[in-house]
Amino acid sequence: MKFGIVVNEGPYQHQASDTAYLFCKAAIAKGHEVWRVFFYHDGVNNASKLTEPPQDDRHIVNRWSKLAEEHGVDLVVCVAAALRRGIKDENLASGFRISGLGQLVEAGIQTDRTVVFGD
């Protein structure tokens, strides 16, 4: 099965990003494809390379970057939501790219299921 994922919450304010990441890892481990992860609303904060969690905490941004690198997952950040939060191309972590809502629509068309994490 081919999945599209939407993440609407930031990396440390809510459980949604952790759950989305773990869902993606589990789906890939079971042989499914995660075609695109679309970060929307506060979810765009998952893409900031300026994130520096304490050493004893998980680094959610790096987890997403590694997922993209290892499995070719397309990590798309909503341009309007990103700009509202001060996130620009030069602030993006590895593996992320900024684009518009058309990428979310395309994910809904190209995938078998679109799963949304967060409000």
PDB file of N, CA and C in Angstrom:
ATOM      1  N   MET A   1       0.841  -1.179   0.000  1.00  0.00           N
ATOM      2  CA  MET A   1       0.000   0.000   0.000  1.00  0.00           C
ATOM      3  C   MET A   1       0.884   1.240   0.000  1.00  0.00           C
ATOM      4  N   LYS A   2       0.436   2.265  -0.682  1.00  0.00           N
ATOM      5  CA  LYS A   2       1.171   3.521  -0.776  1.00  0.00           C
ATOM      6  C   LYS A   2       0.475   4.551   0.112  1.00  0.00           C
ATOM      7  N   PHE A   3       1.262   5.151   1.042  1.00  0.00           N
ATOM      8  CA  PHE A   3       0.713   6.106   2.005  1.00  0.00           C
ATOM      9  C   PHE A   3       1.166   7.535   1.732  1.00  0.00           C
ATOM     10  N   GLY A   4       0.257   8.453   1.961  1.00  0.00           N
ATOM     11  CA  GLY A   4       0.561   9.872   2.084  1.00  0.00           C
ATOM     12  C   GLY A   4       0.322  10.239   3.534  1.00  0.00           C
ATOM     13  N   ILE A   5       1.186  11.006   4.113  1.00  0.00           N
ATOM     14  CA  ILE A   5       1.103  11.365   5.532  1.00  0.00           C
ATOM     15  C   ILE A   5       1.022  12.881   5.650  1.00  0.00           C
ATOM     16  N   VAL A   6       0.171  13.352   6.561  1.00  0.00           N
ATOM     17  CA  VAL A   6       0.080  14.779   6.876  1.00  0.00           C
ATOM     18  C   VAL A   6       0.403  14.951   8.351  1.00  0.00           C
ATOM     19  N   VAL A   7       1.344  15.841   8.655  1.00  0.00           N
ATOM     20  CA  VAL A   7       1.715  16.141  10.042  1.00  0.00           C
ATOM     21  C   VAL A   7       1.356  17.597  10.313  1.00  0.00           C
ATOM     22  N   ASN A   8       0.434  17.808  11.251  1.00  0.00           N
ATOM     23  CA  ASN A   8      -0.082  19.147  11.555  1.00  0.00           C
ATOM     24  C   ASN A   8       0.456  19.754  12.842  1.00  0.00           C
ATOM     25  N   GLU A   9       1.280  19.039  13.569  1.00  0.00           N
ATOM     26  CA  GLU A   9       1.766  19.522  14.867  1.00  0.00           C
ATOM     27  C   GLU A   9       3.293  19.571  14.893  1.00  0.00           C
ATOM     28  N   GLY A  10       3.806  20.471  15.711  1.00  0.00           N
ATOM     29  CA  GLY A  10       5.246  20.634  15.856  1.00  0.00           C
ATOM     30  C   GLY A  10       5.898  19.447  16.532  1.00  0.00           C
ATOM     31  N   PRO A  11       7.221  19.390  16.499  1.00  0.00           N
ATOM     32  CA  PRO A  11       7.931  18.214  16.980  1.00  0.00           C
ATOM     33  C   PRO A  11       7.917  18.003  18.491  1.00  0.00           C
ATOM     34  N   TYR A  12       7.771  19.047  19.264  1.00  0.00           N
ATOM     35  CA  TYR A  12       7.880  18.860  20.714  1.00  0.00           C
ATOM     36  C   TYR A  12       6.662  19.350  21.485  1.00  0.00           C
ATOM     37  N   GLN A  13       5.650  19.890  20.808  1.00  0.00           N
ATOM     38  CA  GLN A  13       4.463  20.369  21.494  1.00  0.00           C
ATOM     39  C   GLN A  13       3.387  19.289  21.627  1.00  0.00           C
ATOM     40  N   HIS A  14       3.493  18.268  20.806  1.00  0.00           N
ATOM     41  CA  HIS A  14       2.409  17.310  20.667  1.00  0.00           C
ATOM     42  C   HIS A  14       2.995  15.962  20.264  1.00  0.00           C
ATOM     43  N   GLN A  15       2.276  14.917  20.489  1.00  0.00           N
ATOM     44  CA  GLN A  15       2.731  13.564  20.167  1.00  0.00           C
ATOM     45  C   GLN A  15       2.615  13.234  18.681  1.00  0.00           C
ATOM     46  N   ALA A  16       1.912  14.064  17.908  1.00  0.00           N
ATOM     47  CA  ALA A  16       1.597  13.738  16.517  1.00  0.00           C
ATOM     48  C   ALA A  16       2.822  13.447  15.661  1.00  0.00           C
ATOM     49  N   SER A  17       3.877  14.227  15.803  1.00  0.00           N
ATOM     50  CA  SER A  17       5.055  14.019  14.967  1.00  0.00           C
ATOM     51  C   SER A  17       5.745  12.693  15.286  1.00  0.00           C
ATOM     52  N   ASP A  18       5.894  12.408  16.565  1.00  0.00           N
ATOM     53  CA  ASP A  18       6.484  11.116  16.955  1.00  0.00           C
ATOM     54  C   ASP A  18       5.654   9.958  16.413  1.00  0.00           C
ATOM     55  N   THR A  19       4.338  10.056  16.561  1.00  0.00           N
ATOM     56  CA  THR A  19       3.447   8.986  16.114  1.00  0.00           C
ATOM     57  C   THR A  19       3.511   8.831  14.599  1.00  0.00           C
ATOM     58  N   ALA A  20       3.530   9.948  13.872  1.00  0.00           N
ATOM     59  CA  ALA A  20       3.619   9.896  12.412  1.00  0.00           C
ATOM     60  C   ALA A  20       4.922   9.230  11.982  1.00  0.00           C
ATOM     61  N   TYR A  21       6.014   9.621  12.618  1.00  0.00           N
ATOM     62  CA  TYR A  21       7.316   9.040  12.290  1.00  0.00           C
ATOM     63  C   TYR A  21       7.324   7.528  12.537  1.00  0.00           C
ATOM     64  N   LEU A  22       6.822   7.127  13.700  1.00  0.00           N
ATOM     65  CA  LEU A  22       6.793   5.697  14.032  1.00  0.00           C
ATOM     66  C   LEU A  22       5.864   4.927  13.096  1.00  0.00           C
ATOM     67  N   PHE A  23       4.758   5.548  12.686  1.00  0.00           N
ATOM     68  CA  PHE A  23       3.859   4.936  11.712  1.00  0.00           C
ATOM     69  C   PHE A  23       4.606   4.705  10.393  1.00  0.00           C
ATOM     70  N   CYS A  24       5.326   5.717   9.943  1.00  0.00           N
ATOM     71  CA  CYS A  24       6.087   5.599   8.700  1.00  0.00           C
ATOM     72  C   CYS A  24       7.110   4.472   8.783  1.00  0.00           C
ATOM     73  N   LYS A  25       7.854   4.427   9.871  1.00  0.00           N
ATOM     74  CA  LYS A  25       8.862   3.371  10.050  1.00  0.00           C
ATOM     75  C   LYS A  25       8.209   1.985  10.025  1.00  0.00           C
ATOM     76  N   ALA A  26       7.086   1.838  10.725  1.00  0.00           N
ATOM     77  CA  ALA A  26       6.400   0.545  10.777  1.00  0.00           C
ATOM     78  C   ALA A  26       5.850   0.162   9.403  1.00  0.00           C
ATOM     79  N   ALA A  27       5.282   1.121   8.694  1.00  0.00           N
ATOM     80  CA  ALA A  27       4.730   0.840   7.364  1.00  0.00           C
ATOM     81  C   ALA A  27       5.831   0.386   6.410  1.00  0.00           C
ATOM     82  N   ILE A  28       6.944   1.080   6.427  1.00  0.00           N
ATOM     83  CA  ILE A  28       8.074   0.722   5.557  1.00  0.00           C
ATOM     84  C   ILE A  28       8.609  -0.661   5.931  1.00  0.00           C
ATOM     85  N   ALA A  29       8.704  -0.931   7.236  1.00  0.00           N
ATOM     86  CA  ALA A  29       9.194  -2.241   7.695  1.00  0.00           C
ATOM     87  C   ALA A  29       8.285  -3.383   7.234  1.00  0.00           C
ATOM     88  N   LYS A  30       7.006  -3.099   7.050  1.00  0.00           N
ATOM     89  CA  LYS A  30       6.043  -4.115   6.594  1.00  0.00           C
ATOM     90  C   LYS A  30       5.929  -4.184   5.076  1.00  0.00           C
ATOM     91  N   GLY A  31       6.768  -3.405   4.384  1.00  0.00           N
ATOM     92  CA  GLY A  31       6.797  -3.480   2.937  1.00  0.00           C
ATOM     93  C   GLY A  31       5.921  -2.467   2.214  1.00  0.00           C
ATOM     94  N   HIS A  32       5.317  -1.553   2.944  1.00  0.00           N
ATOM     95  CA  HIS A  32       4.502  -0.506   2.330  1.00  0.00           C
ATOM     96  C   HIS A  32       5.399   0.654   1.904  1.00  0.00           C
ATOM     97  N   GLU A  33       4.849   1.547   1.116  1.00  0.00           N
ATOM     98  CA  GLU A  33       5.581   2.720   0.667  1.00  0.00           C
ATOM     99  C   GLU A  33       5.004   3.976   1.308  1.00  0.00           C
ATOM    100  N   VAL A  34       5.868   4.810   1.845  1.00  0.00           N
ATOM    101  CA  VAL A  34       5.468   6.140   2.294  1.00  0.00           C
ATOM    102  C   VAL A  34       5.930   7.084   1.198  1.00  0.00           C
ATOM    103  N   TRP A  35       4.977   7.541   0.396  1.00  0.00           N
ATOM    104  CA  TRP A  35       5.293   8.298  -0.813  1.00  0.00           C
ATOM    105  C   TRP A  35       5.634   9.746  -0.507  1.00  0.00           C
ATOM    106  N   ARG A  36       4.899  10.348   0.422  1.00  0.00           N
ATOM    107  CA  ARG A  36       5.156  11.746   0.776  1.00  0.00           C
ATOM    108  C   ARG A  36       4.656  12.006   2.194  1.00  0.00           C
ATOM    109  N   VAL A  37       5.411  12.853   2.913  1.00  0.00           N
ATOM    110  CA  VAL A  37       4.959  13.392   4.195  1.00  0.00           C
ATOM    111  C   VAL A  37       4.824  14.896   3.978  1.00  0.00           C
ATOM    112  N   PHE A  38       3.620  15.402   4.229  1.00  0.00           N
ATOM    113  CA  PHE A  38       3.336  16.827   4.050  1.00  0.00           C
ATOM    114  C   PHE A  38       3.209  17.468   5.429  1.00  0.00           C
ATOM    115  N   PHE A  39       4.047  18.450   5.703  1.00  0.00           N
ATOM    116  CA  PHE A  39       4.052  19.142   6.988  1.00  0.00           C
ATOM    117  C   PHE A  39       3.259  20.438   6.840  1.00  0.00           C
ATOM    118  N   TYR A  40       2.219  20.563   7.647  1.00  0.00           N
ATOM    119  CA  TYR A  40       1.271  21.662   7.515  1.00  0.00           C
ATOM    120  C   TYR A  40       1.039  22.288   8.889  1.00  0.00           C
ATOM    121  N   HIS A  41       0.513  23.494   8.926  1.00  0.00           N
ATOM    122  CA  HIS A  41       0.276  24.229  10.174  1.00  0.00           C
ATOM    123  C   HIS A  41       1.562  24.238  11.011  1.00  0.00           C
ATOM    124  N   ASP A  42       1.467  23.954  12.319  1.00  0.00           N
ATOM    125  CA  ASP A  42       2.666  23.929  13.166  1.00  0.00           C
ATOM    126  C   ASP A  42       3.595  22.759  12.834  1.00  0.00           C
ATOM    127  N   GLY A  43       3.123  21.835  12.040  1.00  0.00           N
ATOM    128  CA  GLY A  43       3.951  20.712  11.613  1.00  0.00           C
ATOM    129  C   GLY A  43       5.184  21.140  10.840  1.00  0.00           C
ATOM    130  N   VAL A  44       5.152  22.338  10.263  1.00  0.00           N
ATOM    131  CA  VAL A  44       6.325  22.817   9.506  1.00  0.00           C
ATOM    132  C   VAL A  44       7.543  22.964  10.409  1.00  0.00           C
ATOM    133  N   ASN A  45       7.334  23.090  11.702  1.00  0.00           N
ATOM    134  CA  ASN A  45       8.461  23.213  12.638  1.00  0.00           C
ATOM    135  C   ASN A  45       9.303  21.932  12.704  1.00  0.00           C
ATOM    136  N   ASN A  46       8.779  20.839  12.199  1.00  0.00           N
ATOM    137  CA  ASN A  46       9.548  19.597  12.120  1.00  0.00           C
ATOM    138  C   ASN A  46      10.704  19.697  11.140  1.00  0.00           C
ATOM    139  N   ALA A  47      10.680  20.711  10.287  1.00  0.00           N
ATOM    140  CA  ALA A  47      11.677  20.849   9.224  1.00  0.00           C
ATOM    141  C   ALA A  47      12.807  21.816   9.555  1.00  0.00           C
ATOM    142  N   SER A  48      12.775  22.432  10.709  1.00  0.00           N
ATOM    143  CA  SER A  48      13.762  23.467  11.027  1.00  0.00           C
ATOM    144  C   SER A  48      15.097  22.878  11.462  1.00  0.00           C
ATOM    145  N   LYS A  49      16.150  23.237  10.740  1.00  0.00           N
ATOM    146  CA  LYS A  49      17.482  22.769  11.125  1.00  0.00           C
ATOM    147  C   LYS A  49      18.012  23.523  12.345  1.00  0.00           C
ATOM    148  N   LEU A  50      17.275  24.515  12.819  1.00  0.00           N
ATOM    149  CA  LEU A  50      17.671  25.277  14.002  1.00  0.00           C
ATOM    150  C   LEU A  50      17.271  24.580  15.302  1.00  0.00           C
ATOM    151  N   THR A  51      16.567  23.461  15.189  1.00  0.00           N
ATOM    152  CA  THR A  51      16.126  22.705  16.361  1.00  0.00           C
ATOM    153  C   THR A  51      17.317  22.042  17.044  1.00  0.00           C
ATOM    154  N   GLU A  52      17.453  22.266  18.355  1.00  0.00           N
ATOM    155  CA  GLU A  52      18.536  21.649  19.125  1.00  0.00           C
ATOM    156  C   GLU A  52      17.993  21.122  20.453  1.00  0.00           C
ATOM    157  N   PRO A  53      17.481  19.892  20.450  1.00  0.00           N
ATOM    158  CA  PRO A  53      16.982  19.327  21.702  1.00  0.00           C
ATOM    159  C   PRO A  53      18.138  18.967  22.645  1.00  0.00           C
ATOM    160  N   PRO A  54      17.849  18.814  23.923  1.00  0.00           N
ATOM    161  CA  PRO A  54      18.894  18.382  24.855  1.00  0.00           C
ATOM    162  C   PRO A  54      19.489  17.034  24.414  1.00  0.00           C
ATOM    163  N   GLN A  55      20.720  16.766  24.833  1.00  0.00           N
ATOM    164  CA  GLN A  55      21.412  15.548  24.408  1.00  0.00           C
ATOM    165  C   GLN A  55      20.682  14.265  24.784  1.00  0.00           C
ATOM    166  N   ASP A  56      19.932  14.299  25.878  1.00  0.00           N
ATOM    167  CA  ASP A  56      19.255  13.080  26.321  1.00  0.00           C
ATOM    168  C   ASP A  56      17.846  12.945  25.736  1.00  0.00           C
ATOM    169  N   ASP A  57      17.474  13.803  24.797  1.00  0.00           N
ATOM    170  CA  ASP A  57      16.149  13.762  24.180  1.00  0.00           C
ATOM    171  C   ASP A  57      16.281  13.311  22.737  1.00  0.00           C
ATOM    172  N   ARG A  58      15.207  12.817  22.170  1.00  0.00           N
ATOM    173  CA  ARG A  58      15.215  12.413  20.772  1.00  0.00           C
ATOM    174  C   ARG A  58      15.263  13.652  19.883  1.00  0.00           C
ATOM    175  N   HIS A  59      15.899  13.540  18.734  1.00  0.00           N
ATOM    176  CA  HIS A  59      16.000  14.653  17.786  1.00  0.00           C
ATOM    177  C   HIS A  59      15.050  14.345  16.629  1.00  0.00           C
ATOM    178  N   ILE A  60      13.823  14.818  16.742  1.00  0.00           N
ATOM    179  CA  ILE A  60      12.774  14.461  15.792  1.00  0.00           C
ATOM    180  C   ILE A  60      13.106  14.929  14.379  1.00  0.00           C
ATOM    181  N   VAL A  61      13.664  16.123  14.248  1.00  0.00           N
ATOM    182  CA  VAL A  61      14.009  16.647  12.921  1.00  0.00           C
ATOM    183  C   VAL A  61      15.014  15.719  12.235  1.00  0.00           C
ATOM    184  N   ASN A  62      16.016  15.287  12.949  1.00  0.00           N
ATOM    185  CA  ASN A  62      17.009  14.374  12.373  1.00  0.00           C
ATOM    186  C   ASN A  62      16.399  13.028  12.001  1.00  0.00           C
ATOM    187  N   ARG A  63      15.411  12.589  12.779  1.00  0.00           N
ATOM    188  CA  ARG A  63      14.735  11.327  12.450  1.00  0.00           C
ATOM    189  C   ARG A  63      14.063  11.428  11.081  1.00  0.00           C
ATOM    190  N   TRP A  64      13.352  12.542  10.858  1.00  0.00           N
ATOM    191  CA  TRP A  64      12.690  12.737   9.564  1.00  0.00           C
ATOM    192  C   TRP A  64      13.719  12.797   8.438  1.00  0.00           C
ATOM    193  N   SER A  65      14.806  13.525   8.655  1.00  0.00           N
ATOM    194  CA  SER A  65      15.848  13.634   7.626  1.00  0.00           C
ATOM    195  C   SER A  65      16.420  12.264   7.278  1.00  0.00           C
ATOM    196  N   LYS A  66      16.664  11.453   8.280  1.00  0.00           N
ATOM    197  CA  LYS A  66      17.208  10.117   8.062  1.00  0.00           C
ATOM    198  C   LYS A  66      16.211   9.234   7.308  1.00  0.00           C
ATOM    199  N   LEU A  67      14.926   9.380   7.617  1.00  0.00           N
ATOM    200  CA  LEU A  67      13.899   8.611   6.916  1.00  0.00           C
ATOM    201  C   LEU A  67      13.908   8.946   5.427  1.00  0.00           C
ATOM    202  N   ALA A  68      14.028  10.220   5.113  1.00  0.00           N
ATOM    203  CA  ALA A  68      14.075  10.654   3.710  1.00  0.00           C
ATOM    204  C   ALA A  68      15.315  10.102   3.019  1.00  0.00           C
ATOM    205  N   GLU A  69      16.434  10.166   3.695  1.00  0.00           N
ATOM    206  CA  GLU A  69      17.697   9.708   3.119  1.00  0.00           C
ATOM    207  C   GLU A  69      17.695   8.201   2.878  1.00  0.00           C
ATOM    208  N   GLU A  70      17.241   7.443   3.857  1.00  0.00           N
ATOM    209  CA  GLU A  70      17.315   5.985   3.778  1.00  0.00           C
ATOM    210  C   GLU A  70      16.234   5.358   2.913  1.00  0.00           C
ATOM    211  N   HIS A  71      15.057   6.005   2.834  1.00  0.00           N
ATOM    212  CA  HIS A  71      13.927   5.374   2.153  1.00  0.00           C
ATOM    213  C   HIS A  71      13.335   6.210   1.017  1.00  0.00           C
ATOM    214  N   GLY A  72      13.952   7.345   0.716  1.00  0.00           N
ATOM    215  CA  GLY A  72      13.477   8.161  -0.387  1.00  0.00           C
ATOM    216  C   GLY A  72      12.123   8.803  -0.165  1.00  0.00           C
ATOM    217  N   VAL A  73      11.755   9.010   1.085  1.00  0.00           N
ATOM    218  CA  VAL A  73      10.468   9.638   1.399  1.00  0.00           C
ATOM    219  C   VAL A  73      10.548  11.131   1.075  1.00  0.00           C
ATOM    220  N   ASP A  74       9.545  11.624   0.372  1.00  0.00           N
ATOM    221  CA  ASP A  74       9.466  13.032  -0.001  1.00  0.00           C
ATOM    222  C   ASP A  74       8.902  13.823   1.182  1.00  0.00           C
ATOM    223  N   LEU A  75       9.702  14.695   1.766  1.00  0.00           N
ATOM    224  CA  LEU A  75       9.279  15.513   2.911  1.00  0.00           C
ATOM    225  C   LEU A  75       8.978  16.924   2.423  1.00  0.00           C
ATOM    226  N   VAL A  76       7.702  17.281   2.387  1.00  0.00           N
ATOM    227  CA  VAL A  76       7.265  18.560   1.829  1.00  0.00           C
ATOM    228  C   VAL A  76       6.714  19.448   2.940  1.00  0.00           C
ATOM    229  N   VAL A  77       7.167  20.696   2.942  1.00  0.00           N
ATOM    230  CA  VAL A  77       6.761  21.685   3.939  1.00  0.00           C
ATOM    231  C   VAL A  77       5.882  22.724   3.242  1.00  0.00           C
ATOM    232  N   CYS A  78       4.711  22.983   3.793  1.00  0.00           N
ATOM    233  CA  CYS A  78       3.795  23.972   3.216  1.00  0.00           C
ATOM    234  C   CYS A  78       4.430  25.357   3.250  1.00  0.00           C
ATOM    235  N   VAL A  79       4.513  26.008   2.095  1.00  0.00           N
ATOM    236  CA  VAL A  79       5.187  27.297   1.991  1.00  0.00           C
ATOM    237  C   VAL A  79       4.502  28.371   2.824  1.00  0.00           C
ATOM    238  N   ALA A  80       3.186  28.459   2.776  1.00  0.00           N
ATOM    239  CA  ALA A  80       2.478  29.513   3.518  1.00  0.00           C
ATOM    240  C   ALA A  80       2.643  29.329   5.020  1.00  0.00           C
ATOM    241  N   ALA A  81       2.468  28.106   5.493  1.00  0.00           N
ATOM    242  CA  ALA A  81       2.618  27.831   6.922  1.00  0.00           C
ATOM    243  C   ALA A  81       4.058  28.058   7.372  1.00  0.00           C
ATOM    244  N   ALA A  82       5.013  27.704   6.522  1.00  0.00           N
ATOM    245  CA  ALA A  82       6.428  27.877   6.860  1.00  0.00           C
ATOM    246  C   ALA A  82       6.785  29.354   6.978  1.00  0.00           C
ATOM    247  N   LEU A  83       6.393  30.141   6.002  1.00  0.00           N
ATOM    248  CA  LEU A  83       6.729  31.571   6.027  1.00  0.00           C
ATOM    249  C   LEU A  83       6.106  32.270   7.226  1.00  0.00           C
ATOM    250  N   ARG A  84       4.883  31.877   7.602  1.00  0.00           N
ATOM    251  CA  ARG A  84       4.254  32.452   8.799  1.00  0.00           C
ATOM    252  C   ARG A  84       5.069  32.192  10.060  1.00  0.00           C
ATOM    253  N   ARG A  85       5.839  31.120  10.049  1.00  0.00           N
ATOM    254  CA  ARG A  85       6.610  30.729  11.227  1.00  0.00           C
ATOM    255  C   ARG A  85       8.106  31.001  11.060  1.00  0.00           C
ATOM    256  N   GLY A  86       8.471  31.755  10.038  1.00  0.00           N
ATOM    257  CA  GLY A  86       9.861  32.142   9.842  1.00  0.00           C
ATOM    258  C   GLY A  86      10.745  31.064   9.273  1.00  0.00           C
ATOM    259  N   ILE A  87      10.162  30.054   8.672  1.00  0.00           N
ATOM    260  CA  ILE A  87      10.953  28.970   8.098  1.00  0.00           C
ATOM    261  C   ILE A  87      11.088  29.207   6.600  1.00  0.00           C
ATOM    262  N   LYS A  88      12.327  29.302   6.151  1.00  0.00           N
ATOM    263  CA  LYS A  88      12.637  29.514   4.736  1.00  0.00           C
ATOM    264  C   LYS A  88      13.590  28.419   4.277  1.00  0.00           C
ATOM    265  N   ASP A  89      13.881  28.405   2.981  1.00  0.00           N
ATOM    266  CA  ASP A  89      14.765  27.364   2.432  1.00  0.00           C
ATOM    267  C   ASP A  89      16.072  27.242   3.202  1.00  0.00           C
ATOM    268  N   GLU A  90      16.653  28.365   3.589  1.00  0.00           N
ATOM    269  CA  GLU A  90      17.957  28.310   4.275  1.00  0.00           C
ATOM    270  C   GLU A  90      17.868  27.739   5.693  1.00  0.00           C
ATOM    271  N   ASN A  91      16.651  27.613   6.229  1.00  0.00           N
ATOM    272  CA  ASN A  91      16.459  27.059   7.576  1.00  0.00           C
ATOM    273  C   ASN A  91      16.076  25.584   7.554  1.00  0.00           C
ATOM    274  N   LEU A  92      15.906  25.006   6.371  1.00  0.00           N
ATOM    275  CA  LEU A  92      15.410  23.635   6.272  1.00  0.00           C
ATOM    276  C   LEU A  92      16.493  22.612   6.587  1.00  0.00           C
ATOM    277  N   ALA A  93      16.087  21.608   7.335  1.00  0.00           N
ATOM    278  CA  ALA A  93      16.965  20.473   7.601  1.00  0.00           C
ATOM    279  C   ALA A  93      17.093  19.636   6.328  1.00  0.00           C
ATOM    280  N   SER A  94      18.081  18.799   6.284  1.00  0.00           N
ATOM    281  CA  SER A  94      18.342  17.928   5.148  1.00  0.00           C
ATOM    282  C   SER A  94      17.116  17.058   4.834  1.00  0.00           C
ATOM    283  N   GLY A  95      16.803  16.935   3.554  1.00  0.00           N
ATOM    284  CA  GLY A  95      15.715  16.059   3.122  1.00  0.00           C
ATOM    285  C   GLY A  95      14.369  16.733   2.971  1.00  0.00           C
ATOM    286  N   PHE A  96      14.223  17.946   3.503  1.00  0.00           N
ATOM    287  CA  PHE A  96      12.955  18.672   3.420  1.00  0.00           C
ATOM    288  C   PHE A  96      12.985  19.630   2.242  1.00  0.00           C
ATOM    289  N   ARG A  97      11.809  19.926   1.699  1.00  0.00           N
ATOM    290  CA  ARG A  97      11.681  20.946   0.675  1.00  0.00           C
ATOM    291  C   ARG A  97      10.383  21.717   0.885  1.00  0.00           C
ATOM    292  N   ILE A  98      10.368  22.960   0.474  1.00  0.00           N
ATOM    293  CA  ILE A  98       9.187  23.810   0.604  1.00  0.00           C
ATOM    294  C   ILE A  98       8.408  23.783  -0.699  1.00  0.00           C
ATOM    295  N   SER A  99       7.085  23.640  -0.581  1.00  0.00           N
ATOM    296  CA  SER A  99       6.220  23.677  -1.755  1.00  0.00           C
ATOM    297  C   SER A  99       4.809  24.060  -1.305  1.00  0.00           C
ATOM    298  N   GLY A 100       3.868  24.013  -2.223  1.00  0.00           N
ATOM    299  CA  GLY A 100       2.512  24.459  -1.930  1.00  0.00           C
ATOM    300  C   GLY A 100       1.542  23.329  -1.645  1.00  0.00           C
ATOM    301  N   LEU A 101       0.284  23.723  -1.442  1.00  0.00           N
ATOM    302  CA  LEU A 101      -0.763  22.761  -1.126  1.00  0.00           C
ATOM    303  C   LEU A 101      -1.052  21.790  -2.266  1.00  0.00           C
ATOM    304  N   GLY A 102      -0.637  22.142  -3.464  1.00  0.00           N
ATOM    305  CA  GLY A 102      -0.797  21.214  -4.582  1.00  0.00           C
ATOM    306  C   GLY A 102      -0.119  19.879  -4.316  1.00  0.00           C
ATOM    307  N   GLN A 103       0.970  19.912  -3.545  1.00  0.00           N
ATOM    308  CA  GLN A 103       1.685  18.675  -3.195  1.00  0.00           C
ATOM    309  C   GLN A 103       0.843  17.792  -2.269  1.00  0.00           C
ATOM    310  N   LEU A 104       0.028  18.424  -1.426  1.00  0.00           N
ATOM    311  CA  LEU A 104      -0.882  17.665  -0.559  1.00  0.00           C
ATOM    312  C   LEU A 104      -1.989  17.034  -1.400  1.00  0.00           C
ATOM    313  N   VAL A 105      -2.540  17.801  -2.315  1.00  0.00           N
ATOM    314  CA  VAL A 105      -3.576  17.284  -3.210  1.00  0.00           C
ATOM    315  C   VAL A 105      -3.027  16.118  -4.035  1.00  0.00           C
ATOM    316  N   GLU A 106      -1.819  16.301  -4.585  1.00  0.00           N
ATOM    317  CA  GLU A 106      -1.196  15.243  -5.367  1.00  0.00           C
ATOM    318  C   GLU A 106      -1.010  13.970  -4.538  1.00  0.00           C
ATOM    319  N   ALA A 107      -0.621  14.134  -3.292  1.00  0.00           N
ATOM    320  CA  ALA A 107      -0.451  12.966  -2.413  1.00  0.00           C
ATOM    321  C   ALA A 107      -1.776  12.229  -2.243  1.00  0.00           C
ATOM    322  N   GLY A 108      -2.853  12.985  -2.098  1.00  0.00           N
ATOM    323  CA  GLY A 108      -4.166  12.358  -1.967  1.00  0.00           C
ATOM    324  C   GLY A 108      -4.576  11.588  -3.215  1.00  0.00           C
ATOM    325  N   ILE A 109      -4.144  12.054  -4.371  1.00  0.00           N
ATOM    326  CA  ILE A 109      -4.474  11.398  -5.639  1.00  0.00           C
ATOM    327  C   ILE A 109      -3.572  10.192  -5.886  1.00  0.00           C
ATOM    328  N   GLN A 110      -2.288  10.328  -5.607  1.00  0.00           N
ATOM    329  CA  GLN A 110      -1.296   9.307  -5.949  1.00  0.00           C
ATOM    330  C   GLN A 110      -1.201   8.152  -4.964  1.00  0.00           C
ATOM    331  N   THR A 111      -1.732   8.325  -3.765  1.00  0.00           N
ATOM    332  CA  THR A 111      -1.584   7.283  -2.742  1.00  0.00           C
ATOM    333  C   THR A 111      -2.898   6.534  -2.511  1.00  0.00           C
ATOM    334  N   ASP A 112      -2.766   5.376  -1.883  1.00  0.00           N
ATOM    335  CA  ASP A 112      -3.952   4.592  -1.538  1.00  0.00           C
ATOM    336  C   ASP A 112      -4.655   5.139  -0.306  1.00  0.00           C
ATOM    337  N   ARG A 113      -3.869   5.657   0.622  1.00  0.00           N
ATOM    338  CA  ARG A 113      -4.403   6.209   1.873  1.00  0.00           C
ATOM    339  C   ARG A 113      -3.629   7.445   2.255  1.00  0.00           C
ATOM    340  N   THR A 114      -4.341   8.434   2.789  1.00  0.00           N
ATOM    341  CA  THR A 114      -3.712   9.606   3.376  1.00  0.00           C
ATOM    342  C   THR A 114      -4.051   9.591   4.854  1.00  0.00           C
ATOM    343  N   VAL A 115      -3.029   9.598   5.684  1.00  0.00           N
ATOM    344  CA  VAL A 115      -3.220   9.520   7.130  1.00  0.00           C
ATOM    345  C   VAL A 115      -2.776  10.842   7.728  1.00  0.00           C
ATOM    346  N   VAL A 116      -3.643  11.429   8.561  1.00  0.00           N
ATOM    347  CA  VAL A 116      -3.381  12.742   9.154  1.00  0.00           C
ATOM    348  C   VAL A 116      -3.048  12.572  10.636  1.00  0.00           C
ATOM    349  N   PHE A 117      -1.974  13.235  11.066  1.00  0.00           N
ATOM    350  CA  PHE A 117      -1.549  13.213  12.462  1.00  0.00           C
ATOM    351  C   PHE A 117      -1.617  14.625  13.020  1.00  0.00           C
ATOM    352  N   GLY A 118      -2.374  14.816  14.082  1.00  0.00           N
ATOM    353  CA  GLY A 118      -2.546  16.126  14.711  1.00  0.00           C
ATOM    354  C   GLY A 118      -3.822  16.786  14.231  1.00  0.00           C
ATOM    355  N   ASP A 119      -4.203  17.817  14.958  1.00  0.00           N
ATOM    356  CA  ASP A 119      -5.456  18.521  14.641  1.00  0.00           C
ATOM    357  C   ASP A 119      -5.388  19.293  13.363  1.00  0.00           C
TER     358      ASP A 119
END
